[in-house]
C-alpha atoms as a PDB file:
ATOM      1  CA  UNK A   1       0.003  -0.093   0.084  1.00  0.00           C
ATOM      2  CA  UNK A   2       2.966   2.284   0.965  1.00  0.00           C
ATOM      3  CA  UNK A   3       4.654   1.633  -2.498  1.00  0.00           C
ATOM      4  CA  UNK A   4       1.331   2.372  -4.119  1.00  0.00           C
ATOM      5  CA  UNK A   5       1.071   5.598  -2.422  1.00  0.00           C
ATOM      6  CA  UNK A   6       4.238   6.784  -3.420  1.00  0.00           C
ATOM      7  CA  UNK A   7       3.979   5.810  -7.261  1.00  0.00           C
ATOM      8  CA  UNK A   8       0.443   7.884  -7.054  1.00  0.00           C
ATOM      9  CA  UNK A   9       2.723  10.776  -5.803  1.00  0.00           C
ATOM     10  CA  UNK A  10       0.529  11.165  -2.513  1.00  0.00           C
ATOM     11  CA  UNK A  11       1.934  12.735   0.178  1.00  0.00           C
ATOM     12  CA  UNK A  12       2.053  11.207   3.710  1.00  0.00           C
ATOM     13  CA  UNK A  13      -0.238  14.294   5.134  1.00  0.00           C
ATOM     14  CA  UNK A  14      -2.704  13.834   2.366  1.00  0.00           C
ATOM     15  CA  UNK A  15      -2.507   9.942   2.795  1.00  0.00           C
ATOM     16  CA  UNK A  16      -3.351  10.257   6.815  1.00  0.00           C
ATOM     17  CA  UNK A  17      -5.714  13.345   6.793  1.00  0.00           C
ATOM     18  CA  UNK A  18      -9.189  13.103   7.212  1.00  0.00           C
ATOM     19  CA  UNK A  19     -11.698  14.240   4.620  1.00  0.00           C
ATOM     20  CA  UNK A  20     -14.835  15.707   4.279  1.00  0.00           C
ATOM     21  CA  UNK A  21     -17.496  14.516   2.073  1.00  0.00           C
ATOM     22  CA  UNK A  22     -17.405  17.589   0.057  1.00  0.00           C
ATOM     23  CA  UNK A  23     -13.348  17.115  -0.390  1.00  0.00           C
ATOM     24  CA  UNK A  24     -13.547  13.503  -1.175  1.00  0.00           C
ATOM     25  CA  UNK A  25     -15.945  14.479  -4.074  1.00  0.00           C
ATOM     26  CA  UNK A  26     -13.690  17.347  -5.197  1.00  0.00           C
ATOM     27  CA  UNK A  27     -11.057  15.076  -5.278  1.00  0.00           C
ATOM     28  CA  UNK A  28     -12.628  12.334  -7.034  1.00  0.00           C
ATOM     29  CA  UNK A  29     -13.945  15.061  -9.859  1.00  0.00           C
ATOM     30  CA  UNK A  30     -10.385  16.258 -10.513  1.00  0.00           C
ATOM     31  CA  UNK A  31      -9.073  12.595 -10.757  1.00  0.00           C
ATOM     32  CA  UNK A  32     -11.724  12.052 -13.298  1.00  0.00           C
ATOM     33  CA  UNK A  33     -10.768  15.147 -15.020  1.00  0.00           C
ATOM     34  CA  UNK A  34      -7.276  13.784 -15.215  1.00  0.00           C
ATOM     35  CA  UNK A  35      -8.237  10.286 -16.413  1.00  0.00           C
ATOM     36  CA  UNK A  36     -10.265  11.902 -18.942  1.00  0.00           C
ATOM     37  CA  UNK A  37      -7.625  13.985 -19.854  1.00  0.00           C
ATOM     38  CA  UNK A  38      -5.144  10.878 -20.585  1.00  0.00           C
ATOM     39  CA  UNK A  39      -7.842   8.978 -22.535  1.00  0.00           C
ATOM     40  CA  UNK A  40      -7.959  11.992 -24.823  1.00  0.00           C
ATOM     41  CA  UNK A  41      -4.438  11.929 -25.061  1.00  0.00           C
ATOM     42  CA  UNK A  42      -3.498   7.999 -25.011  1.00  0.00           C
ATOM     43  CA  UNK A  43      -4.532   7.657 -28.960  1.00  0.00           C
ATOM     44  CA  UNK A  44      -2.119  10.447 -29.491  1.00  0.00           C
ATOM     45  CA  UNK A  45       0.664   8.982 -27.769  1.00  0.00           C
ATOM     46  CA  UNK A  46      -0.256   5.379 -29.527  1.00  0.00           C
ATOM     47  CA  UNK A  47       0.304   6.636 -32.897  1.00  0.00           C
ATOM     48  CA  UNK A  48       3.591   8.812 -31.570  1.00  0.00           C
ATOM     49  CA  UNK A  49       4.899   5.219 -30.208  1.00  0.00           C
ATOM     50  CA  UNK A  50       3.964   3.376 -33.157  1.00  0.00           C
ATOM     51  CA  UNK A  51       5.577   5.383 -35.841  1.00  0.00           C
ATOM     52  CA  UNK A  52       8.976   5.248 -33.740  1.00  0.00           C
ATOM     53  CA  UNK A  53       8.495   1.423 -33.524  1.00  0.00           C
ATOM     54  CA  UNK A  54       8.118   1.729 -37.147  1.00  0.00           C
ATOM     55  CA  UNK A  55      11.114   3.559 -37.839  1.00  0.00           C
ATOM     56  CA  UNK A  56      13.020   1.076 -35.414  1.00  0.00           C
ATOM     57  CA  UNK A  57      12.004  -1.791 -37.581  1.00  0.00           C
ATOM     58  CA  UNK A  58      12.555  -0.456 -40.664  1.00  0.00           C
ATOM     59  CA  UNK A  59      16.072   0.737 -39.769  1.00  0.00           C
ATOM     60  CA  UNK A  60      16.811  -2.827 -38.342  1.00  0.00           C
ATOM     61  CA  UNK A  61      15.097  -5.156 -40.886  1.00  0.00           C
ATOM     62  CA  UNK A  62      16.680  -2.751 -43.661  1.00  0.00           C
ATOM     63  CA  UNK A  63      13.327  -2.356 -45.186  1.00  0.00           C
ATOM     64  CA  UNK A  64      11.286   0.490 -46.350  1.00  0.00           C
ATOM     65  CA  UNK A  65       9.486   2.702 -43.518  1.00  0.00           C
ATOM     66  CA  UNK A  66       6.503   2.625 -45.453  1.00  0.00           C
ATOM     67  CA  UNK A  67       6.626  -1.055 -45.780  1.00  0.00           C
ATOM     68  CA  UNK A  68       7.095  -1.306 -41.449  1.00  0.00           C
ATOM     69  CA  UNK A  69       4.303   1.364 -41.119  1.00  0.00           C
ATOM     70  CA  UNK A  70       1.997  -1.001 -42.980  1.00  0.00           C
ATOM     71  CA  UNK A  71       3.046  -4.008 -41.241  1.00  0.00           C
ATOM     72  CA  UNK A  72       2.338  -2.203 -37.506  1.00  0.00           C
ATOM     73  CA  UNK A  73      -0.657  -0.374 -38.226  1.00  0.00           C
ATOM     74  CA  UNK A  74      -2.496  -3.587 -39.716  1.00  0.00           C
ATOM     75  CA  UNK A  75      -1.107  -5.345 -36.517  1.00  0.00           C
ATOM     76  CA  UNK A  76      -2.761  -2.582 -34.393  1.00  0.00           C
ATOM     77  CA  UNK A  77      -6.144  -2.319 -36.437  1.00  0.00           C
ATOM     78  CA  UNK A  78      -6.562  -5.466 -36.060  1.00  0.00           C
ATOM     79  CA  UNK A  79      -5.689  -5.542 -32.378  1.00  0.00           C
ATOM     80  CA  UNK A  80      -8.300  -3.007 -31.642  1.00  0.00           C
ATOM     81  CA  UNK A  81     -11.328  -4.750 -33.893  1.00  0.00           C
ATOM     82  CA  UNK A  82     -10.897  -7.626 -31.511  1.00  0.00           C
ATOM     83  CA  UNK A  83     -10.579  -5.424 -28.774  1.00  0.00           C
ATOM     84  CA  UNK A  84     -13.929  -3.940 -29.713  1.00  0.00           C
ATOM     85  CA  UNK A  85     -15.430  -7.269 -30.213  1.00  0.00           C
ATOM     86  CA  UNK A  86     -14.541  -8.684 -26.487  1.00  0.00           C
ATOM     87  CA  UNK A  87     -15.931  -5.350 -25.310  1.00  0.00           C
ATOM     88  CA  UNK A  88     -19.004  -5.940 -27.157  1.00  0.00           C
ATOM     89  CA  UNK A  89     -19.440  -9.248 -26.127  1.00  0.00           C
ATOM     90  CA  UNK A  90     -18.934  -8.543 -22.749  1.00  0.00           C
ATOM     91  CA  UNK A  91     -17.196 -11.021 -19.994  1.00  0.00           C
ATOM     92  CA  UNK A  92     -17.860 -14.192 -20.426  1.00  0.00           C
ATOM     93  CA  UNK A  93     -18.284 -15.895 -17.555  1.00  0.00           C
ATOM     94  CA  UNK A  94     -19.102 -19.867 -19.007  1.00  0.00           C
ATOM     95  CA  UNK A  95     -18.103 -21.457 -21.549  1.00  0.00           C
ATOM     96  CA  UNK A  96     -19.132 -21.748 -25.234  1.00  0.00           C
ATOM     97  CA  UNK A  97     -20.904 -24.978 -24.684  1.00  0.00           C
ATOM     98  CA  UNK A  98     -24.099 -25.007 -22.085  1.00  0.00           C
ATOM     99  CA  UNK A  99     -25.762 -28.099 -21.253  1.00  0.00           C
ATOM    100  CA  UNK A 100     -29.271 -28.278 -20.073  1.00  0.00           C
ATOM    101  CA  UNK A 101     -30.026 -31.317 -17.627  1.00  0.00           C
ATOM    102  CA  UNK A 102     -34.060 -31.386 -16.421  1.00  0.00           C
ATOM    103  CA  UNK A 103     -34.044 -32.488 -12.885  1.00  0.00           C
ATOM    104  CA  UNK A 104     -36.473 -35.556 -12.948  1.00  0.00           C
ATOM    105  CA  UNK A 105     -38.147 -35.043 -10.152  1.00  0.00           C
ATOM    106  CA  UNK A 106     -39.730 -31.461 -11.644  1.00  0.00           C
END
């Protein structure tokens, strides 16, 4: 818990202080704003990272940068597509095959 507090950049005073309901709501609102900001920036950061990877891959494999970018973008699009499918289907709690057993007593 202590390590998580330090990683989240929460001071010892702030961690041990008692907050009112209003203060808690205010801090939660700030955290959500920061979260949404990072979500908006995540796509740009991901594209920049993929471009850096493409440059590195092209240099290592002595291929054209356009070919490396195309391969990485294809892989990324496939990853995002299957991620959307998983999100749409929801979490599977059971296997794909289900067997119905009728109770002979009923």
